[in-house]
């Protein structure tokens, strides 16, 4: 009996061991991961290897710089993928250099990854599976959780707004690559770039001095009121013209310029072009641009908030200048400086001034000389005598910051004549005044003939 029990026990044991073996084998077969799974290992026939060895070298470099190889390997292990690869020219020459620098900055790695994942959809879409023209646009989700739209029109296969120029360029068992004409940019990346370019995402703290205490009230001094937009600078224009770093205050905000300031350089170029197109003022434009650096100086002044009125002599007047007048060092600059008024004046405003006040003197950039103006023959006349000039071509250029008035002569400041008065010393004999008592005594002694006795009576 014992043997039968033992023998039965041995058979049951073998059966149990066999069941355990098959269970383990079944479990091992279920848990075994094939080579095309998400283990991170890919074979040489993968679409990722084809991408790295393809003609799309620029896109391959971006994938490596974005550290996306492991992510793409896992995606290939889970399902087939479709890659829309831009041609190299689209990334080398057609792409905005500023946008490319933005993508390659280390702080913008997430934007670069989002951009590249926008070109990959997690399913296989060959050229034969493209929607026809009657189906309209078909939406596909990308690896970056965005959406691409495939469409067809005029015989062209499109992905969003990019044309497929090489359909089914590279096909592999785990995916395929279509060549497209240009880079696809998702809206989120474009918005990040716009915020970075406009400096909205960068917060900077302006340097401020230590707070000051008012000794009278022992309280902190209040900050000055902000300068209103378009307000003139606080310093005189002579300080802004000083050599070296500009002493003028910060530019007043204005309508022109990329930083909402006055674009003085563009305005000066505009008025010089206006002089040339107007005709008869080529010599003045030539002095401003070629012979001097006054155009740059004027542009800087206008950018800092100053206004200018230019009295421009015409070509006939400039032709009368002699060699002696132009040969001295700095003579062209001094001549032009005397023809620039640091005010904004039009023909109407100057004529109204001389009509009302008779004779008006305007400051010039040739400090401290002033140019005089008065009414004559129904117009405005500058200067006196032979060196006078009439307002000949009014309002050649007026833009609210620069005013150009054409005149028919070259103006020169009046020479101050210094008259030296020679004072000759005059010798004066000062006689001592005698007192009343002494005078009476002398008269009495004279009556008696005794005045010789007193020396002071003689």
Protein backbone atom coordinates (compact mmCIF):
# COMPACT_ATOMS: atom_id res chain seq x y z
CA UNK A 1 0.00 0.00 0.00
CA UNK A 2 2.83 2.26 0.83
CA UNK A 3 4.31 1.69 -2.57
CA UNK A 4 1.09 2.45 -4.34
CA UNK A 5 0.76 5.64 -2.36
CA UNK A 6 4.37 6.56 -3.11
CA UNK A 7 4.00 5.68 -6.72
CA UNK A 8 0.88 7.78 -6.94
CA UNK A 9 2.65 10.63 -5.28
CA UNK A 10 5.51 10.44 -7.79
CA UNK A 11 3.13 10.71 -10.76
CA UNK A 12 1.31 13.66 -9.21
CA UNK A 13 4.62 15.36 -8.59
CA UNK A 14 5.66 14.97 -12.21
CA UNK A 15 2.34 16.35 -13.38
CA UNK A 16 2.66 19.38 -11.13
CA UNK A 17 6.20 20.04 -12.35
CA UNK A 18 5.07 19.80 -15.97
CA UNK A 19 2.26 22.27 -15.35
CA UNK A 20 4.62 24.68 -13.64
CA UNK A 21 7.05 24.44 -16.56
CA UNK A 22 4.39 25.19 -19.17
CA UNK A 23 3.00 28.01 -17.04
CA UNK A 24 6.42 29.56 -16.76
CA UNK A 25 7.06 29.15 -20.45
CA UNK A 26 3.69 30.71 -21.27
CA UNK A 27 4.33 33.60 -18.92
CA UNK A 28 7.80 34.09 -20.41
CA UNK A 29 6.38 34.12 -23.93
CA UNK A 30 3.81 36.69 -22.90
CA UNK A 31 6.33 38.93 -21.18
CA UNK A 32 8.98 38.63 -23.87
CA UNK A 33 9.54 41.97 -25.68
CA UNK A 34 10.17 41.79 -29.42
CA UNK A 35 12.92 43.80 -31.12
CA UNK A 36 10.43 46.33 -32.53
CA UNK A 37 8.87 47.18 -29.15
CA UNK A 38 9.49 50.21 -27.00
CA UNK A 39 12.69 48.90 -25.45
CA UNK A 40 14.63 51.77 -27.00
CA UNK A 41 16.50 49.49 -29.40
CA UNK A 42 15.92 49.83 -33.15
CA UNK A 43 17.30 47.87 -36.05
CA UNK A 44 19.16 49.15 -39.09
CA UNK A 45 16.00 49.09 -41.19
CA UNK A 46 14.21 51.68 -39.02
CA UNK A 47 12.87 54.93 -40.38
CA UNK A 48 14.95 56.84 -37.80
CA UNK A 49 18.17 55.37 -39.20
CA UNK A 50 16.95 56.31 -42.67
CA UNK A 51 16.31 59.87 -41.50
CA UNK A 52 19.79 60.24 -40.01
CA UNK A 53 21.41 58.92 -43.21
CA UNK A 54 19.14 60.78 -45.65
CA UNK A 55 19.41 64.03 -47.60
CA UNK A 56 17.60 65.85 -44.77
CA UNK A 57 20.78 66.59 -42.86
CA UNK A 58 19.59 69.92 -41.39
CA UNK A 59 16.52 68.27 -39.86
CA UNK A 60 18.66 65.40 -38.53
CA UNK A 61 20.98 67.84 -36.76
CA UNK A 62 18.03 69.60 -35.16
CA UNK A 63 16.66 66.25 -33.93
CA UNK A 64 20.00 65.45 -32.30
CA UNK A 65 20.32 68.94 -30.75
CA UNK A 66 16.79 68.68 -29.39
CA UNK A 67 17.68 65.38 -27.61
CA UNK A 68 14.69 63.64 -29.22
CA UNK A 69 16.29 60.37 -30.41
CA UNK A 70 15.21 58.33 -27.40
CA UNK A 71 11.67 59.75 -27.55
CA UNK A 72 11.40 58.88 -31.25
CA UNK A 73 12.77 55.37 -30.64
CA UNK A 74 10.01 54.76 -28.11
CA UNK A 75 7.42 56.13 -30.54
CA UNK A 76 8.67 53.84 -33.32
CA UNK A 77 8.48 50.88 -30.95
CA UNK A 78 4.79 51.55 -30.23
CA UNK A 79 3.50 52.31 -33.73
CA UNK A 80 4.39 53.37 -37.26
CA UNK A 81 5.17 57.06 -37.76
CA UNK A 82 5.06 59.51 -40.65
CA UNK A 83 7.73 62.25 -40.80
CA UNK A 84 7.34 65.43 -42.85
CA UNK A 85 10.94 66.48 -43.51
CA UNK A 86 11.71 70.02 -44.80
CA UNK A 87 14.38 70.28 -47.46
CA UNK A 88 17.80 71.58 -46.38
CA UNK A 89 17.39 74.89 -48.26
CA UNK A 90 14.29 75.68 -46.21
CA UNK A 91 16.35 75.49 -43.01
CA UNK A 92 19.58 77.03 -44.34
CA UNK A 93 18.58 80.01 -46.46
CA UNK A 94 14.80 80.45 -46.29
CA UNK A 95 14.50 80.44 -42.49
CA UNK A 96 14.71 83.73 -40.62
CA UNK A 97 18.21 83.86 -39.01
CA UNK A 98 16.78 85.44 -35.87
CA UNK A 99 14.20 82.65 -35.55
CA UNK A 100 16.91 80.01 -36.08
CA UNK A 101 19.04 81.57 -33.33
CA UNK A 102 15.98 81.50 -31.09
CA UNK A 103 15.52 77.76 -31.69
CA UNK A 104 19.17 76.92 -31.00
CA UNK A 105 19.43 78.82 -27.71
CA UNK A 106 19.69 76.40 -24.75
CA UNK A 107 16.86 78.11 -22.92
CA UNK A 108 14.46 77.43 -25.80
CA UNK A 109 14.95 73.64 -25.96
CA UNK A 110 11.26 73.02 -25.29
CA UNK A 111 10.25 75.22 -28.23
CA UNK A 112 12.65 73.33 -30.52
CA UNK A 113 11.24 69.98 -29.38
CA UNK A 114 7.67 71.19 -29.93
CA UNK A 115 8.59 72.36 -33.43
CA UNK A 116 10.14 69.02 -34.42
CA UNK A 117 7.36 66.89 -32.90
CA UNK A 118 4.94 68.98 -34.97
CA UNK A 119 6.40 67.31 -38.10
CA UNK A 120 5.64 63.73 -36.95
CA UNK A 121 2.29 61.95 -36.72
CA UNK A 122 2.00 58.58 -34.90
CA UNK A 123 0.49 56.60 -37.79
CA UNK A 124 1.47 55.64 -41.29
CA UNK A 125 0.00 57.81 -44.03
CA UNK A 126 1.35 57.04 -47.48
CA UNK A 127 0.79 59.06 -50.64
CA UNK A 128 -1.90 56.62 -51.74
CA UNK A 129 -3.83 57.28 -48.53
CA UNK A 130 -3.98 61.03 -49.10
CA UNK A 131 -7.45 62.60 -49.01
CA UNK A 132 -8.83 63.62 -52.38
CA UNK A 133 -10.03 67.10 -53.27
CA UNK A 134 -13.65 66.28 -52.45
CA UNK A 135 -12.81 65.09 -48.93
CA UNK A 136 -11.45 68.45 -47.86
CA UNK A 137 -8.90 68.69 -45.07
CA UNK A 138 -8.26 65.70 -42.81
CA UNK A 139 -6.92 66.39 -39.32
CA UNK A 140 -4.15 64.27 -37.77
CA UNK A 141 -2.74 64.54 -34.26
CA UNK A 142 1.04 64.97 -33.98
CA UNK A 143 3.48 63.60 -31.41
CA UNK A 144 3.45 67.04 -29.80
CA UNK A 145 -0.33 66.92 -29.21
CA UNK A 146 -0.90 69.48 -31.95
CA UNK A 147 -2.84 68.94 -35.17
CA UNK A 148 -1.83 68.83 -38.84
CA UNK A 149 -4.24 69.00 -41.76
CA UNK A 150 -3.69 66.95 -44.92
CA UNK A 151 -5.37 68.13 -48.10
CA UNK A 152 -5.14 68.01 -51.86
CA UNK A 153 -5.76 70.79 -54.37
CA UNK A 154 -4.74 71.55 -57.95
CA UNK A 155 -3.05 68.18 -58.10
CA UNK A 156 -0.75 69.02 -55.15
CA UNK A 157 -0.58 67.16 -51.87
CA UNK A 158 -0.45 69.60 -48.95
CA UNK A 159 0.27 69.35 -45.24
CA UNK A 160 -1.08 72.56 -43.71
CA UNK A 161 0.37 75.22 -46.03
CA UNK A 162 3.46 73.25 -47.15
CA UNK A 163 3.53 71.26 -50.38
CA UNK A 164 4.71 67.65 -50.49
CA UNK A 165 7.57 67.76 -52.99
CA UNK A 166 8.90 64.20 -52.40
CA UNK A 167 6.02 61.86 -51.50
CA UNK A 168 7.10 58.52 -50.00
CA UNK A 169 10.72 59.58 -50.24
CA UNK A 170 11.88 56.98 -47.70
CA UNK A 171 9.73 54.02 -46.68
CA UNK A 172 10.58 51.54 -43.95
CA UNK A 173 8.57 48.88 -42.08
CA UNK A 174 8.10 51.16 -39.04
CA UNK A 175 7.38 54.43 -40.88
CA UNK A 176 7.95 56.66 -43.88
CA UNK A 177 9.25 60.15 -44.73
CA UNK A 178 7.66 62.74 -47.02
CA UNK A 179 9.79 65.64 -48.25
CA UNK A 180 8.11 69.06 -47.87
CA UNK A 181 9.05 72.46 -49.28
CA UNK A 182 9.34 74.43 -46.04
CA UNK A 183 9.33 74.27 -42.26
CA UNK A 184 6.05 73.93 -40.37
CA UNK A 185 5.82 76.23 -37.34
CA UNK A 186 3.18 75.60 -34.66
CA UNK A 187 1.36 78.56 -33.22
CA UNK A 188 2.75 78.06 -29.70
CA UNK A 189 6.36 78.29 -30.93
CA UNK A 190 5.58 81.37 -33.01
CA UNK A 191 4.00 83.06 -29.97
CA UNK A 192 7.04 82.24 -27.81
CA UNK A 193 9.31 83.75 -30.44
CA UNK A 194 7.18 86.89 -30.72
CA UNK A 195 7.20 87.37 -26.96
CA UNK A 196 10.95 86.92 -26.85
CA UNK A 197 11.49 89.32 -29.75
CA UNK A 198 9.31 92.03 -28.21
CA UNK A 199 11.02 91.51 -24.83
CA UNK A 200 7.66 90.98 -23.12
CA UNK A 201 8.91 87.86 -21.37
CA UNK A 202 12.06 89.56 -20.07
CA UNK A 203 11.65 91.65 -16.94
CA UNK A 204 14.45 94.13 -16.29
CA UNK A 205 14.85 96.41 -13.29
CA UNK A 206 15.98 99.91 -14.12
CA UNK A 207 18.84 101.11 -11.91
CA UNK A 208 17.73 103.74 -9.44
CA UNK A 209 19.69 105.84 -7.00
CA UNK A 210 19.36 105.65 -3.24
CA UNK A 211 16.28 107.40 -1.83
CA UNK A 212 16.85 110.95 -0.62
CA UNK A 213 15.43 112.42 2.58
CA UNK A 214 14.12 115.97 2.67
CA UNK A 215 15.94 117.64 5.61
CA UNK A 216 13.01 119.98 6.26
CA UNK A 217 10.33 117.33 6.67
CA UNK A 218 12.50 114.23 7.37
CA UNK A 219 10.51 112.42 4.70
CA UNK A 220 11.56 110.75 1.50
CA UNK A 221 11.62 113.06 -1.48
CA UNK A 222 8.98 112.34 -4.07
CA UNK A 223 10.04 111.22 -7.50
CA UNK A 224 9.62 113.79 -10.28
CA UNK A 225 6.57 113.47 -12.47
CA UNK A 226 7.11 111.40 -15.62
CA UNK A 227 7.86 113.27 -18.82
CA UNK A 228 4.76 113.27 -21.06
CA UNK A 229 5.03 111.74 -24.50
CA UNK A 230 6.46 114.14 -27.06
CA UNK A 231 7.62 116.67 -24.46
CA UNK A 232 10.71 118.70 -25.40
CA UNK A 233 13.98 117.86 -23.63
CA UNK A 234 14.82 119.69 -20.43
CA UNK A 235 18.37 120.68 -21.39
CA UNK A 236 19.15 123.42 -23.91
CA UNK A 237 20.15 122.28 -27.36
CA UNK A 238 23.71 123.56 -26.86
CA UNK A 239 24.21 120.90 -24.18
CA UNK A 240 23.01 118.19 -26.55
CA UNK A 241 25.53 119.38 -29.16
CA UNK A 242 28.46 119.04 -26.74
CA UNK A 243 31.20 116.62 -27.87
CA UNK A 244 31.54 113.25 -26.25
CA UNK A 245 28.68 111.32 -24.64
CA UNK A 246 25.39 113.10 -25.07
CA UNK A 247 24.29 115.16 -22.09
CA UNK A 248 20.72 115.35 -23.27
CA UNK A 249 17.99 113.48 -21.39
CA UNK A 250 16.46 110.26 -22.60
CA UNK A 251 14.53 110.58 -25.88
CA UNK A 252 10.93 111.57 -25.45
CA UNK A 253 8.54 108.87 -26.68
CA UNK A 254 7.19 109.67 -30.10
CA UNK A 255 5.28 108.12 -32.99
CA UNK A 256 8.28 107.07 -35.06
CA UNK A 257 11.07 104.59 -34.50
CA UNK A 258 11.06 100.95 -33.51
CA UNK A 259 11.12 101.79 -29.80
CA UNK A 260 8.29 104.35 -30.08
CA UNK A 261 10.81 107.21 -30.14
CA UNK A 262 11.38 109.79 -32.84
CA UNK A 263 13.43 108.27 -35.67
CA UNK A 264 15.60 111.29 -36.34
CA UNK A 265 17.91 109.59 -38.81
CA UNK A 266 15.02 108.56 -41.04
CA UNK A 267 13.49 112.04 -40.86
CA UNK A 268 16.78 113.72 -41.83
CA UNK A 269 17.20 111.35 -44.79
CA UNK A 270 13.63 112.09 -45.80
CA UNK A 271 14.09 115.86 -45.85
CA UNK A 272 17.42 115.60 -47.74
CA UNK A 273 15.72 113.45 -50.40
CA UNK A 274 12.95 116.05 -50.54
CA UNK A 275 15.55 118.78 -51.16
CA UNK A 276 17.04 116.80 -54.03
CA UNK A 277 13.66 116.06 -55.63
CA UNK A 278 12.54 119.67 -55.16
CA UNK A 279 15.47 120.91 -57.24
CA UNK A 280 17.78 123.86 -56.83
CA UNK A 281 19.19 122.80 -53.42
CA UNK A 282 21.80 120.22 -54.41
CA UNK A 283 24.71 122.16 -52.90
CA UNK A 284 23.04 122.32 -49.48
CA UNK A 285 22.27 118.60 -49.57
CA UNK A 286 25.86 117.87 -50.62
CA UNK A 287 27.27 119.82 -47.66
CA UNK A 288 24.98 118.00 -45.22
CA UNK A 289 25.82 114.51 -46.52
CA UNK A 290 29.33 114.57 -47.99
CA UNK A 291 31.32 117.52 -46.64
CA UNK A 292 30.21 117.36 -43.00
CA UNK A 293 28.67 115.02 -40.46
CA UNK A 294 25.81 117.43 -39.82
CA UNK A 295 23.17 115.02 -41.12
CA UNK A 296 24.10 112.53 -38.40
CA UNK A 297 24.20 115.30 -35.80
CA UNK A 298 20.76 116.56 -36.81
CA UNK A 299 19.34 113.03 -36.74
CA UNK A 300 20.61 112.53 -33.21
CA UNK A 301 19.12 115.82 -32.03
CA UNK A 302 15.72 114.99 -33.51
CA UNK A 303 15.83 111.50 -31.96
CA UNK A 304 16.43 113.10 -28.57
CA UNK A 305 13.29 115.21 -28.89
CA UNK A 306 14.58 118.50 -30.32
CA UNK A 307 12.94 120.33 -33.23
CA UNK A 308 14.80 122.19 -36.01
CA UNK A 309 14.10 124.72 -38.73
CA UNK A 310 16.60 124.76 -41.62
CA UNK A 311 17.04 127.92 -43.70
CA UNK A 312 18.38 126.32 -46.89
CA UNK A 313 20.21 128.61 -49.37
CA UNK A 314 19.54 127.65 -52.99
CA UNK A 315 22.26 126.68 -55.45
CA UNK A 316 22.60 130.21 -56.89
CA UNK A 317 23.34 131.59 -53.44
CA UNK A 318 25.80 128.82 -52.58
CA UNK A 319 27.66 129.44 -55.86
CA UNK A 320 28.49 132.98 -54.68
CA UNK A 321 30.55 131.73 -51.75
CA UNK A 322 34.23 132.50 -52.19
CA UNK A 323 37.16 130.17 -51.59
CA UNK A 324 38.24 132.20 -48.57
CA UNK A 325 34.83 131.73 -46.95
CA UNK A 326 35.04 127.94 -47.31
CA UNK A 327 38.77 127.32 -46.84
CA UNK A 328 38.97 127.89 -43.09
CA UNK A 329 38.75 124.75 -40.93
CA UNK A 330 35.16 124.08 -39.93
CA UNK A 331 33.78 126.82 -42.17
CA UNK A 332 31.05 124.66 -43.85
CA UNK A 333 29.81 123.49 -40.46
CA UNK A 334 29.71 127.02 -39.05
CA UNK A 335 27.84 128.30 -42.11
CA UNK A 336 25.20 125.58 -41.86
CA UNK A 337 24.93 125.92 -38.07
CA UNK A 338 24.00 129.58 -38.56
CA UNK A 339 21.16 128.47 -40.86
CA UNK A 340 19.57 126.06 -38.33
CA UNK A 341 17.07 127.43 -35.81
CA UNK A 342 16.32 125.23 -32.76
CA UNK A 343 12.60 125.92 -33.09
CA UNK A 344 9.86 124.58 -35.32
CA UNK A 345 8.87 127.46 -37.60
CA UNK A 346 6.82 127.47 -40.77
CA UNK A 347 6.47 130.26 -43.32
CA UNK A 348 3.16 131.27 -41.75
CA UNK A 349 4.45 131.38 -38.18
CA UNK A 350 7.55 133.43 -39.10
CA UNK A 351 5.56 135.86 -41.22
CA UNK A 352 3.02 136.35 -38.42
CA UNK A 353 5.86 137.01 -35.97
CA UNK A 354 7.53 139.69 -38.06
CA UNK A 355 4.17 141.28 -38.87
CA UNK A 356 3.34 141.52 -35.18
CA UNK A 357 6.70 142.40 -33.62
CA UNK A 358 8.45 144.10 -36.53
CA UNK A 359 11.91 142.57 -36.05
CA UNK A 360 12.49 139.15 -34.54
CA UNK A 361 15.76 137.47 -33.65
CA UNK A 362 15.92 133.65 -33.73
CA UNK A 363 18.54 131.59 -31.92
CA UNK A 364 20.80 129.45 -34.11
CA UNK A 365 22.98 126.42 -33.53
CA UNK A 366 25.96 128.74 -34.00
CA UNK A 367 25.73 129.87 -30.41
CA UNK A 368 25.52 132.72 -29.36
CA UNK A 369 24.81 134.28 -32.77
CA UNK A 370 21.22 135.00 -33.73
CA UNK A 371 19.61 135.59 -37.10
CA UNK A 372 17.35 138.61 -37.44
CA UNK A 373 14.13 138.53 -39.44
CA UNK A 374 11.73 141.27 -40.49
CA UNK A 375 8.93 141.87 -42.98
CA UNK A 376 9.90 143.12 -46.40
CA UNK A 377 7.94 143.16 -49.66
CA UNK A 378 5.23 140.90 -48.27
CA UNK A 379 7.73 138.22 -47.26
CA UNK A 380 10.25 137.46 -44.52
CA UNK A 381 13.72 138.93 -44.87
CA UNK A 382 16.66 137.55 -42.91
CA UNK A 383 19.74 139.62 -42.08
CA UNK A 384 20.58 143.18 -43.10
CA UNK A 385 22.39 144.90 -45.91
CA UNK A 386 24.21 142.96 -48.60
CA UNK A 387 24.17 139.74 -46.57
CA UNK A 388 20.39 139.50 -46.37
CA UNK A 389 18.16 136.81 -47.85
CA UNK A 390 14.45 136.47 -48.58
CA UNK A 391 12.23 133.52 -47.83
CA UNK A 392 12.12 132.20 -51.39
CA UNK A 393 10.62 128.67 -51.28
CA UNK A 394 8.37 128.30 -48.22
CA UNK A 395 7.68 124.99 -46.46
CA UNK A 396 9.78 122.70 -48.68
CA UNK A 397 9.58 120.08 -45.93
CA UNK A 398 7.49 120.10 -42.75
CA UNK A 399 6.87 116.98 -40.64
CA UNK A 400 6.35 118.39 -37.16
CA UNK A 401 10.00 117.88 -36.15
CA UNK A 402 12.00 119.35 -39.05
CA UNK A 403 11.01 122.36 -41.13
CA UNK A 404 12.95 123.39 -44.26
CA UNK A 405 12.54 126.89 -45.70
CA UNK A 406 14.33 127.88 -48.91
CA UNK A 407 16.11 131.26 -48.99
CA UNK A 408 17.90 133.08 -51.82
CA UNK A 409 21.10 134.01 -50.02
CA UNK A 410 23.75 132.80 -47.60
CA UNK A 411 23.55 134.36 -44.15
CA UNK A 412 26.51 135.39 -42.01
CA UNK A 413 26.45 136.68 -38.43
CA UNK A 414 27.10 140.36 -37.89
CA UNK A 415 30.68 141.13 -36.93
CA UNK A 416 30.86 142.95 -33.66
CA UNK A 417 33.14 145.93 -33.96
CA UNK A 418 35.19 146.49 -30.86
CA UNK A 419 36.00 150.17 -30.41
CA UNK A 420 38.73 150.82 -27.88
CA UNK A 421 38.44 154.19 -26.20
CA UNK A 422 41.76 155.61 -25.05
CA UNK A 423 41.46 157.62 -21.89
CA UNK A 424 44.20 160.17 -21.42
CA UNK A 425 45.03 161.01 -17.83
CA UNK A 426 44.29 164.65 -17.05
CA UNK A 427 46.23 166.43 -14.35
CA UNK A 428 44.00 168.42 -12.10
CA UNK A 429 45.27 170.91 -9.60
CA UNK A 430 43.21 170.66 -6.50
CA UNK A 431 43.19 173.81 -4.47
CA UNK A 432 42.47 173.57 -0.85
CA UNK A 433 39.34 175.40 0.14
CA UNK A 434 39.74 177.99 2.82
CA UNK A 435 37.32 178.23 5.68
CA UNK A 436 34.90 181.14 6.26
CA UNK A 437 36.78 182.47 9.29
CA UNK A 438 40.07 182.56 7.38
CA UNK A 439 38.47 184.48 4.49
CA UNK A 440 37.04 187.14 6.84
CA UNK A 441 40.41 187.54 8.58
CA UNK A 442 42.21 187.96 5.25
CA UNK A 443 39.75 190.66 4.13
CA UNK A 444 40.21 192.59 7.39
CA UNK A 445 44.01 192.36 7.18
CA UNK A 446 43.86 193.51 3.55
CA UNK A 447 41.88 196.58 4.56
CA UNK A 448 44.70 197.56 6.92
CA UNK A 449 47.48 196.48 4.53
CA UNK A 450 48.64 193.76 6.84
CA UNK A 451 47.62 190.64 4.78
CA UNK A 452 51.28 189.87 4.04
CA UNK A 453 51.75 188.86 7.62
CA UNK A 454 49.62 185.68 7.03
CA UNK A 455 50.98 183.34 4.34
CA UNK A 456 47.63 181.67 3.75
CA UNK A 457 46.08 184.97 2.60
CA UNK A 458 48.45 185.11 -0.43
